[in-house]
């Protein structure tokens, strides 16, 4: 099964994505704003989730329904 973004575009290892919604990061005071660019994503075993590194947060897991391919 392929990993797809919110628009249905296939995502691959190392792609850049953009957030389509403000997201609060659990366990921190960081809020990721809509339009934030995330570079170098890592695909996981679950096609609905990707791993990435944003600002001060490492090992962040994002749901693909909140991102679009840049």
PDB file of N, CA and C in Angstrom:
ATOM      1  N   UNK A   1       0.842  -1.186   0.000  1.00  0.00           N
ATOM      2  CA  UNK A   1       0.000   0.000   0.000  1.00  0.00           C
ATOM      3  C   UNK A   1       0.884   1.246   0.000  1.00  0.00           C
ATOM      4  N   UNK A   2       0.526   2.228  -0.814  1.00  0.00           N
ATOM      5  CA  UNK A   2       1.352   3.424  -0.910  1.00  0.00           C
ATOM      6  C   UNK A   2       0.898   4.485   0.086  1.00  0.00           C
ATOM      7  N   UNK A   3       1.860   5.304   0.495  1.00  0.00           N
ATOM      8  CA  UNK A   3       1.569   6.409   1.394  1.00  0.00           C
ATOM      9  C   UNK A   3       1.152   7.604   0.549  1.00  0.00           C
ATOM     10  N   UNK A   4       0.010   8.199   0.880  1.00  0.00           N
ATOM     11  CA  UNK A   4      -0.508   9.332   0.092  1.00  0.00           C
ATOM     12  C   UNK A   4      -0.801  10.518   1.006  1.00  0.00           C
ATOM     13  N   UNK A   5      -0.661  11.729   0.438  1.00  0.00           N
ATOM     14  CA  UNK A   5      -0.949  12.942   1.211  1.00  0.00           C
ATOM     15  C   UNK A   5      -2.450  13.226   1.211  1.00  0.00           C
ATOM     16  N   UNK A   6      -2.845  14.384   1.722  1.00  0.00           N
ATOM     17  CA  UNK A   6      -4.268  14.719   1.848  1.00  0.00           C
ATOM     18  C   UNK A   6      -4.963  14.845   0.495  1.00  0.00           C
ATOM     19  N   UNK A   7      -4.207  15.127  -0.575  1.00  0.00           N
ATOM     20  CA  UNK A   7      -4.787  15.257  -1.911  1.00  0.00           C
ATOM     21  C   UNK A   7      -4.723  13.964  -2.710  1.00  0.00           C
ATOM     22  N   UNK A   8      -4.144  12.907  -2.119  1.00  0.00           N
ATOM     23  CA  UNK A   8      -4.040  11.631  -2.818  1.00  0.00           C
ATOM     24  C   UNK A   8      -2.774  11.464  -3.627  1.00  0.00           C
ATOM     25  N   UNK A   9      -1.846  12.419  -3.522  1.00  0.00           N
ATOM     26  CA  UNK A   9      -0.568  12.332  -4.234  1.00  0.00           C
ATOM     27  C   UNK A   9       0.361  11.358  -3.502  1.00  0.00           C
ATOM     28  N   UNK A  10       0.968  10.415  -4.214  1.00  0.00           N
ATOM     29  CA  UNK A  10       1.874   9.464  -3.560  1.00  0.00           C
ATOM     30  C   UNK A  10       3.099  10.163  -2.964  1.00  0.00           C
ATOM     31  N   UNK A  11       3.505   9.751  -1.769  1.00  0.00           N
ATOM     32  CA  UNK A  11       4.693  10.283  -1.109  1.00  0.00           C
ATOM     33  C   UNK A  11       5.781   9.228  -1.126  1.00  0.00           C
ATOM     34  N   UNK A  12       7.035   9.675  -1.226  1.00  0.00           N
ATOM     35  CA  UNK A  12       8.148   8.732  -1.190  1.00  0.00           C
ATOM     36  C   UNK A  12       9.184   9.221  -0.179  1.00  0.00           C
ATOM     37  N   UNK A  13      10.109   8.337   0.160  1.00  0.00           N
ATOM     38  CA  UNK A  13      11.167   8.615   1.136  1.00  0.00           C
ATOM     39  C   UNK A  13      11.932   9.885   0.745  1.00  0.00           C
ATOM     40  N   UNK A  14      12.099  10.823   1.693  1.00  0.00           N
ATOM     41  CA  UNK A  14      12.883  12.028   1.455  1.00  0.00           C
ATOM     42  C   UNK A  14      12.130  13.183   0.829  1.00  0.00           C
ATOM     43  N   UNK A  15      10.838  13.024   0.563  1.00  0.00           N
ATOM     44  CA  UNK A  15      10.034  14.119  -0.008  1.00  0.00           C
ATOM     45  C   UNK A  15       9.915  15.279   0.969  1.00  0.00           C
ATOM     46  N   UNK A  16       9.516  16.432   0.440  1.00  0.00           N
ATOM     47  CA  UNK A  16       9.184  17.585   1.269  1.00  0.00           C
ATOM     48  C   UNK A  16       7.674  17.741   1.261  1.00  0.00           C
ATOM     49  N   UNK A  17       7.111  18.067   2.434  1.00  0.00           N
ATOM     50  CA  UNK A  17       5.666  18.258   2.544  1.00  0.00           C
ATOM     51  C   UNK A  17       5.376  19.564   3.273  1.00  0.00           C
ATOM     52  N   UNK A  18       4.152  20.053   3.121  1.00  0.00           N
ATOM     53  CA  UNK A  18       3.697  21.274   3.766  1.00  0.00           C
ATOM     54  C   UNK A  18       2.483  20.951   4.632  1.00  0.00           C
ATOM     55  N   UNK A  19       2.419  21.525   5.831  1.00  0.00           N
ATOM     56  CA  UNK A  19       1.269  21.305   6.707  1.00  0.00           C
ATOM     57  C   UNK A  19       0.067  22.080   6.188  1.00  0.00           C
ATOM     58  N   UNK A  20      -1.123  21.480   6.267  1.00  0.00           N
ATOM     59  CA  UNK A  20      -2.338  22.152   5.807  1.00  0.00           C
ATOM     60  C   UNK A  20      -3.214  22.598   6.978  1.00  0.00           C
ATOM     61  N   UNK A  21      -2.725  22.423   8.210  1.00  0.00           N
ATOM     62  CA  UNK A  21      -3.497  22.753   9.400  1.00  0.00           C
ATOM     63  C   UNK A  21      -2.542  23.037  10.550  1.00  0.00           C
ATOM     64  N   UNK A  22      -2.897  23.955  11.452  1.00  0.00           N
ATOM     65  CA  UNK A  22      -2.098  24.174  12.661  1.00  0.00           C
ATOM     66  C   UNK A  22      -2.193  22.933  13.538  1.00  0.00           C
ATOM     67  N   UNK A  23      -1.050  22.448  14.006  1.00  0.00           N
ATOM     68  CA  UNK A  23      -1.028  21.240  14.824  1.00  0.00           C
ATOM     69  C   UNK A  23      -0.279  21.490  16.121  1.00  0.00           C
ATOM     70  N   UNK A  24      -0.884  21.112  17.240  1.00  0.00           N
ATOM     71  CA  UNK A  24      -0.200  21.178  18.535  1.00  0.00           C
ATOM     72  C   UNK A  24       0.553  19.872  18.733  1.00  0.00           C
ATOM     73  N   UNK A  25       1.802  19.967  19.180  1.00  0.00           N
ATOM     74  CA  UNK A  25       2.622  18.775  19.400  1.00  0.00           C
ATOM     75  C   UNK A  25       2.451  18.347  20.847  1.00  0.00           C
ATOM     76  N   UNK A  26       1.954  17.129  21.050  1.00  0.00           N
ATOM     77  CA  UNK A  26       1.727  16.626  22.407  1.00  0.00           C
ATOM     78  C   UNK A  26       3.037  16.547  23.176  1.00  0.00           C
ATOM     79  N   UNK A  27       2.995  16.922  24.436  1.00  0.00           N
ATOM     80  CA  UNK A  27       4.165  16.827  25.300  1.00  0.00           C
ATOM     81  C   UNK A  27       5.113  18.002  25.195  1.00  0.00           C
ATOM     82  N   UNK A  28       4.809  18.966  24.323  1.00  0.00           N
ATOM     83  CA  UNK A  28       5.644  20.163  24.197  1.00  0.00           C
ATOM     84  C   UNK A  28       4.740  21.387  24.126  1.00  0.00           C
ATOM     85  N   UNK A  29       5.353  22.567  24.143  1.00  0.00           N
ATOM     86  CA  UNK A  29       4.586  23.804  24.007  1.00  0.00           C
ATOM     87  C   UNK A  29       4.601  24.290  22.555  1.00  0.00           C
ATOM     88  N   UNK A  30       5.111  23.464  21.642  1.00  0.00           N
ATOM     89  CA  UNK A  30       5.256  23.850  20.239  1.00  0.00           C
ATOM     90  C   UNK A  30       3.945  23.659  19.483  1.00  0.00           C
ATOM     91  N   UNK A  31       3.584  24.673  18.681  1.00  0.00           N
ATOM     92  CA  UNK A  31       2.467  24.557  17.751  1.00  0.00           C
ATOM     93  C   UNK A  31       3.038  24.742  16.356  1.00  0.00           C
ATOM     94  N   UNK A  32       2.834  23.756  15.501  1.00  0.00           N
ATOM     95  CA  UNK A  32       3.301  23.846  14.124  1.00  0.00           C
ATOM     96  C   UNK A  32       2.241  24.571  13.309  1.00  0.00           C
ATOM     97  N   UNK A  33       2.639  25.637  12.647  1.00  0.00           N
ATOM     98  CA  UNK A  33       1.692  26.474  11.908  1.00  0.00           C
ATOM     99  C   UNK A  33       1.403  25.921  10.518  1.00  0.00           C
ATOM    100  N   UNK A  34       0.216  26.221  10.028  1.00  0.00           N
ATOM    101  CA  UNK A  34      -0.173  25.857   8.670  1.00  0.00           C
ATOM    102  C   UNK A  34       0.827  26.484   7.689  1.00  0.00           C
ATOM    103  N   UNK A  35       1.250  25.731   6.688  1.00  0.00           N
ATOM    104  CA  UNK A  35       2.203  26.238   5.712  1.00  0.00           C
ATOM    105  C   UNK A  35       3.653  25.928   6.051  1.00  0.00           C
ATOM    106  N   UNK A  36       3.907  25.314   7.211  1.00  0.00           N
ATOM    107  CA  UNK A  36       5.264  24.941   7.597  1.00  0.00           C
ATOM    108  C   UNK A  36       5.790  23.862   6.662  1.00  0.00           C
ATOM    109  N   UNK A  37       7.002  24.094   6.125  1.00  0.00           N
ATOM    110  CA  UNK A  37       7.621  23.126   5.217  1.00  0.00           C
ATOM    111  C   UNK A  37       8.410  22.103   6.022  1.00  0.00           C
ATOM    112  N   UNK A  38       8.187  20.834   5.735  1.00  0.00           N
ATOM    113  CA  UNK A  38       8.913  19.741   6.384  1.00  0.00           C
ATOM    114  C   UNK A  38       9.706  19.025   5.305  1.00  0.00           C
ATOM    115  N   UNK A  39      11.029  19.004   5.451  1.00  0.00           N
ATOM    116  CA  UNK A  39      11.889  18.393   4.429  1.00  0.00           C
ATOM    117  C   UNK A  39      12.388  17.034   4.893  1.00  0.00           C
ATOM    118  N   UNK A  40      12.603  16.143   3.953  1.00  0.00           N
ATOM    119  CA  UNK A  40      13.211  14.850   4.242  1.00  0.00           C
ATOM    120  C   UNK A  40      12.375  13.944   5.118  1.00  0.00           C
ATOM    121  N   UNK A  41      11.154  13.660   4.691  1.00  0.00           N
ATOM    122  CA  UNK A  41      10.288  12.787   5.488  1.00  0.00           C
ATOM    123  C   UNK A  41      10.774  11.337   5.422  1.00  0.00           C
ATOM    124  N   UNK A  42      10.349  10.553   6.398  1.00  0.00           N
ATOM    125  CA  UNK A  42      10.683   9.130   6.457  1.00  0.00           C
ATOM    126  C   UNK A  42       9.377   8.349   6.525  1.00  0.00           C
ATOM    127  N   UNK A  43       9.202   7.404   5.609  1.00  0.00           N
ATOM    128  CA  UNK A  43       7.978   6.602   5.592  1.00  0.00           C
ATOM    129  C   UNK A  43       8.010   5.555   6.697  1.00  0.00           C
ATOM    130  N   UNK A  44       6.852   5.236   7.255  1.00  0.00           N
ATOM    131  CA  UNK A  44       6.743   4.231   8.311  1.00  0.00           C
ATOM    132  C   UNK A  44       5.990   3.014   7.773  1.00  0.00           C
ATOM    133  N   UNK A  45       5.843   2.001   8.613  1.00  0.00           N
ATOM    134  CA  UNK A  45       5.096   0.805   8.214  1.00  0.00           C
ATOM    135  C   UNK A  45       3.612   1.107   8.013  1.00  0.00           C
ATOM    136  N   UNK A  46       3.123   2.142   8.701  1.00  0.00           N
ATOM    137  CA  UNK A  46       1.720   2.547   8.582  1.00  0.00           C
ATOM    138  C   UNK A  46       1.593   3.585   7.466  1.00  0.00           C
ATOM    139  N   UNK A  47       0.827   3.301   6.399  1.00  0.00           N
ATOM    140  CA  UNK A  47       0.709   4.259   5.291  1.00  0.00           C
ATOM    141  C   UNK A  47      -0.003   5.561   5.667  1.00  0.00           C
ATOM    142  N   UNK A  48      -0.606   5.637   6.853  1.00  0.00           N
ATOM    143  CA  UNK A  48      -1.293   6.862   7.275  1.00  0.00           C
ATOM    144  C   UNK A  48      -0.386   7.764   8.108  1.00  0.00           C
ATOM    145  N   UNK A  49       0.882   7.379   8.320  1.00  0.00           N
ATOM    146  CA  UNK A  49       1.796   8.170   9.154  1.00  0.00           C
ATOM    147  C   UNK A  49       3.162   8.308   8.502  1.00  0.00           C
ATOM    148  N   UNK A  50       3.799   9.467   8.751  1.00  0.00           N
ATOM    149  CA  UNK A  50       5.178   9.698   8.317  1.00  0.00           C
ATOM    150  C   UNK A  50       5.980  10.217   9.502  1.00  0.00           C
ATOM    151  N   UNK A  51       7.282   9.981   9.477  1.00  0.00           N
ATOM    152  CA  UNK A  51       8.171  10.514  10.503  1.00  0.00           C
ATOM    153  C   UNK A  51       8.919  11.694   9.917  1.00  0.00           C
ATOM    154  N   UNK A  52       9.204  12.698  10.765  1.00  0.00           N
ATOM    155  CA  UNK A  52       9.945  13.858  10.291  1.00  0.00           C
ATOM    156  C   UNK A  52      10.614  14.566  11.459  1.00  0.00           C
ATOM    157  N   UNK A  53      11.366  15.586  11.130  1.00  0.00           N
ATOM    158  CA  UNK A  53      12.050  16.394  12.122  1.00  0.00           C
ATOM    159  C   UNK A  53      11.684  17.850  11.816  1.00  0.00           C
ATOM    160  N   UNK A  54      11.076  18.528  12.796  1.00  0.00           N
ATOM    161  CA  UNK A  54      10.627  19.907  12.602  1.00  0.00           C
ATOM    162  C   UNK A  54      11.117  20.765  13.753  1.00  0.00           C
ATOM    163  N   UNK A  55      11.699  21.904  13.442  1.00  0.00           N
ATOM    164  CA  UNK A  55      12.192  22.851  14.439  1.00  0.00           C
ATOM    165  C   UNK A  55      12.958  22.141  15.551  1.00  0.00           C
ATOM    166  N   UNK A  56      12.449  22.180  16.775  1.00  0.00           N
ATOM    167  CA  UNK A  56      13.145  21.568  17.910  1.00  0.00           C
ATOM    168  C   UNK A  56      12.631  20.169  18.219  1.00  0.00           C
ATOM    169  N   UNK A  57      11.702  19.664  17.400  1.00  0.00           N
ATOM    170  CA  UNK A  57      11.077  18.376  17.674  1.00  0.00           C
ATOM    171  C   UNK A  57      11.673  17.314  16.752  1.00  0.00           C
ATOM    172  N   UNK A  58      12.338  16.314  17.341  1.00  0.00           N
ATOM    173  CA  UNK A  58      12.921  15.227  16.548  1.00  0.00           C
ATOM    174  C   UNK A  58      12.050  13.988  16.687  1.00  0.00           C
ATOM    175  N   UNK A  59      12.010  13.172  15.637  1.00  0.00           N
ATOM    176  CA  UNK A  59      11.236  11.935  15.688  1.00  0.00           C
ATOM    177  C   UNK A  59       9.739  12.164  15.746  1.00  0.00           C
ATOM    178  N   UNK A  60       9.278  13.237  15.147  1.00  0.00           N
ATOM    179  CA  UNK A  60       7.857  13.570  15.148  1.00  0.00           C
ATOM    180  C   UNK A  60       7.117  12.691  14.142  1.00  0.00           C
ATOM    181  N   UNK A  61       5.972  12.157  14.537  1.00  0.00           N
ATOM    182  CA  UNK A  61       5.143  11.358  13.632  1.00  0.00           C
ATOM    183  C   UNK A  61       3.919  12.182  13.271  1.00  0.00           C
ATOM    184  N   UNK A  62       3.712  12.393  11.965  1.00  0.00           N
ATOM    185  CA  UNK A  62       2.564  13.160  11.480  1.00  0.00           C
ATOM    186  C   UNK A  62       1.615  12.248  10.718  1.00  0.00           C
ATOM    187  N   UNK A  63       0.327  12.523  10.840  1.00  0.00           N
ATOM    188  CA  UNK A  63      -0.681  11.832  10.040  1.00  0.00           C
ATOM    189  C   UNK A  63      -0.649  12.439   8.639  1.00  0.00           C
ATOM    190  N   UNK A  64      -0.745  11.606   7.618  1.00  0.00           N
ATOM    191  CA  UNK A  64      -0.661  12.098   6.241  1.00  0.00           C
ATOM    192  C   UNK A  64      -1.878  12.934   5.850  1.00  0.00           C
ATOM    193  N   UNK A  65      -2.966  12.845   6.600  1.00  0.00           N
ATOM    194  CA  UNK A  65      -4.151  13.646   6.287  1.00  0.00           C
ATOM    195  C   UNK A  65      -3.929  15.141   6.555  1.00  0.00           C
ATOM    196  N   UNK A  66      -2.837  15.498   7.246  1.00  0.00           N
ATOM    197  CA  UNK A  66      -2.550  16.899   7.555  1.00  0.00           C
ATOM    198  C   UNK A  66      -1.423  17.484   6.728  1.00  0.00           C
ATOM    199  N   UNK A  67      -0.943  16.771   5.722  1.00  0.00           N
ATOM    200  CA  UNK A  67       0.159  17.276   4.898  1.00  0.00           C
ATOM    201  C   UNK A  67      -0.180  17.182   3.412  1.00  0.00           C
ATOM    202  N   UNK A  68       0.484  18.041   2.616  1.00  0.00           N
ATOM    203  CA  UNK A  68       0.404  17.921   1.170  1.00  0.00           C
ATOM    204  C   UNK A  68       1.818  18.001   0.616  1.00  0.00           C
ATOM    205  N   UNK A  69       2.049  17.335  -0.495  1.00  0.00           N
ATOM    206  CA  UNK A  69       3.375  17.299  -1.098  1.00  0.00           C
ATOM    207  C   UNK A  69       3.763  18.696  -1.581  1.00  0.00           C
ATOM    208  N   UNK A  70       4.997  19.087  -1.307  1.00  0.00           N
ATOM    209  CA  UNK A  70       5.466  20.423  -1.677  1.00  0.00           C
ATOM    210  C   UNK A  70       5.952  20.443  -3.123  1.00  0.00           C
TER     211      UNK A  70
END
